[in-house]
């Protein structure tokens, strides 16, 4: 049997743990095995096949793995729920002060609201920014 077939068998063998464990490193080494098979199919000797296999595998692990780890650590760009309301603008419906008795229209809904700064009041019709959501009350400024 030709050695390129053995390389493909090795690639499939490395693909099985990739699927079972979800460790991308196995996939990167499997791609290195496919590169070894291509080297043999193009007429390269066994030494060149092993060098290509090692070089491709190491290059993929060295380049792709850090990018995958960095991508996994990033916060999701899409905020939802209460987090999506922070930073949005609202319109005052009833006078808002630090007592929490005011009302605003935020994202199409009426919310109770209080001002962030004690002593600061907002009159109906004014635009305010939502700083945080405290329970069912929007804190605005």
Protein backbone atom coordinates (compact mmCIF):
# COMPACT_ATOMS: atom_id res chain seq x y z
CA UNK A 1 0.00 0.00 0.00
CA UNK A 2 1.28 3.49 -0.86
CA UNK A 3 2.43 5.70 1.99
CA UNK A 4 -0.05 8.47 1.08
CA UNK A 5 -2.84 6.07 2.07
CA UNK A 6 -1.21 5.64 5.49
CA UNK A 7 -1.08 9.40 5.86
CA UNK A 8 -4.81 9.61 5.10
CA UNK A 9 -5.53 6.82 7.59
CA UNK A 10 -3.56 8.81 10.17
CA UNK A 11 -5.56 11.94 9.31
CA UNK A 12 -8.85 10.08 9.83
CA UNK A 13 -7.47 8.56 13.02
CA UNK A 14 -6.68 12.05 14.30
CA UNK A 15 -10.08 13.31 13.20
CA UNK A 16 -11.89 10.84 15.48
CA UNK A 17 -10.56 12.32 18.75
CA UNK A 18 -11.20 15.78 17.29
CA UNK A 19 -14.89 14.95 17.02
CA UNK A 20 -15.07 13.13 20.36
CA UNK A 21 -13.15 15.65 22.47
CA UNK A 22 -13.68 18.90 20.51
CA UNK A 23 -9.96 19.66 20.83
CA UNK A 24 -8.98 21.59 17.69
CA UNK A 25 -5.33 20.58 18.05
CA UNK A 26 -6.21 17.10 16.74
CA UNK A 27 -7.68 18.70 13.63
CA UNK A 28 -4.56 20.74 13.07
CA UNK A 29 -2.35 17.65 13.27
CA UNK A 30 -4.79 15.84 10.95
CA UNK A 31 -4.32 18.63 8.40
CA UNK A 32 -0.56 18.06 8.77
CA UNK A 33 -1.13 14.38 7.93
CA UNK A 34 -3.08 15.36 4.82
CA UNK A 35 -0.16 17.62 3.85
CA UNK A 36 2.14 14.61 4.26
CA UNK A 37 -0.14 12.59 1.97
CA UNK A 38 -0.06 15.35 -0.65
CA UNK A 39 3.73 15.47 -0.43
CA UNK A 40 3.88 11.73 -1.15
CA UNK A 41 1.37 12.04 -3.99
CA UNK A 42 3.58 14.73 -5.54
CA UNK A 43 6.61 12.43 -5.35
CA UNK A 44 8.33 13.58 -2.16
CA UNK A 45 10.36 11.09 -0.18
CA UNK A 46 9.54 9.89 3.33
CA UNK A 47 11.90 12.39 4.94
CA UNK A 48 10.24 15.29 3.12
CA UNK A 49 6.80 13.90 4.04
CA UNK A 50 7.67 13.86 7.73
CA UNK A 51 9.17 17.35 7.54
CA UNK A 52 6.05 18.71 5.80
CA UNK A 53 3.80 16.93 8.32
CA UNK A 54 5.72 18.41 11.27
CA UNK A 55 6.00 21.88 9.75
CA UNK A 56 2.29 22.15 8.86
CA UNK A 57 1.16 20.73 12.22
CA UNK A 58 3.41 22.99 14.26
CA UNK A 59 2.56 26.05 12.16
CA UNK A 60 -1.18 25.48 12.56
CA UNK A 61 -0.91 24.90 16.31
CA UNK A 62 1.36 27.93 16.72
CA UNK A 63 -0.80 30.28 14.63
CA UNK A 64 -4.40 29.10 14.85
CA UNK A 65 -4.55 27.99 18.49
CA UNK A 66 -3.68 31.42 20.00
CA UNK A 67 -6.28 33.05 17.75
CA UNK A 68 -8.92 30.53 18.88
CA UNK A 69 -8.06 31.06 22.56
CA UNK A 70 -8.24 34.85 22.12
CA UNK A 71 -11.58 34.55 20.35
CA UNK A 72 -12.97 32.35 23.11
CA UNK A 73 -12.03 34.90 25.80
CA UNK A 74 -13.76 37.86 24.14
CA UNK A 75 -17.07 39.05 25.53
CA UNK A 76 -20.05 38.53 23.28
CA UNK A 77 -20.85 41.59 21.18
CA UNK A 78 -24.59 41.17 21.54
CA UNK A 79 -26.11 42.36 24.79
CA UNK A 80 -29.57 41.21 25.75
CA UNK A 81 -32.10 41.74 28.51
CA UNK A 82 -31.38 44.46 31.04
CA UNK A 83 -27.79 44.83 29.79
CA UNK A 84 -29.12 45.93 26.39
CA UNK A 85 -31.00 48.83 28.01
CA UNK A 86 -27.96 50.41 29.64
CA UNK A 87 -26.70 53.40 27.67
CA UNK A 88 -29.92 53.88 25.72
CA UNK A 89 -31.90 57.09 25.61
CA UNK A 90 -35.40 57.46 27.02
CA UNK A 91 -38.09 60.15 27.13
CA UNK A 92 -39.41 61.40 30.45
CA UNK A 93 -43.19 60.90 30.79
CA UNK A 94 -43.62 61.98 34.42
CA UNK A 95 -41.20 64.12 36.44
CA UNK A 96 -38.12 62.09 37.40
CA UNK A 97 -36.12 62.88 40.53
CA UNK A 98 -34.18 60.82 43.08
CA UNK A 99 -37.38 59.55 44.77
CA UNK A 100 -38.05 56.87 42.13
CA UNK A 101 -41.62 58.04 41.46
CA UNK A 102 -41.02 59.19 37.88
CA UNK A 103 -41.82 57.42 34.62
CA UNK A 104 -39.90 57.17 31.35
CA UNK A 105 -40.50 55.54 27.99
CA UNK A 106 -37.58 53.22 27.27
CA UNK A 107 -37.45 50.90 24.24
CA UNK A 108 -41.19 51.26 23.72
CA UNK A 109 -42.05 50.40 27.33
CA UNK A 110 -42.95 52.55 30.34
CA UNK A 111 -40.48 52.20 33.20
CA UNK A 112 -40.31 53.69 36.66
CA UNK A 113 -37.23 55.86 36.96
CA UNK A 114 -35.07 57.81 39.38
CA UNK A 115 -32.23 60.19 38.77
CA UNK A 116 -28.64 59.17 39.39
CA UNK A 117 -27.73 62.50 40.98
CA UNK A 118 -29.57 63.48 44.17
CA UNK A 119 -31.36 66.75 43.68
CA UNK A 120 -31.41 66.47 39.88
CA UNK A 121 -34.88 66.43 38.28
CA UNK A 122 -36.03 65.88 34.71
CA UNK A 123 -39.28 67.22 33.33
CA UNK A 124 -41.68 65.49 30.89
CA UNK A 125 -40.46 65.56 27.31
CA UNK A 126 -36.73 65.65 28.19
CA UNK A 127 -34.32 63.06 26.84
CA UNK A 128 -32.35 61.12 29.47
CA UNK A 129 -29.68 58.43 29.31
CA UNK A 130 -30.15 55.15 31.15
CA UNK A 131 -27.15 54.47 33.38
CA UNK A 132 -28.31 51.22 34.97
CA UNK A 133 -31.36 49.16 35.80
CA UNK A 134 -32.00 48.67 39.51
CA UNK A 135 -34.71 46.01 39.81
CA UNK A 136 -37.66 47.45 37.88
CA UNK A 137 -36.39 51.03 38.09
CA UNK A 138 -34.22 52.72 35.49
CA UNK A 139 -31.51 54.97 36.88
CA UNK A 140 -31.11 57.93 34.52
CA UNK A 141 -29.04 61.05 34.00
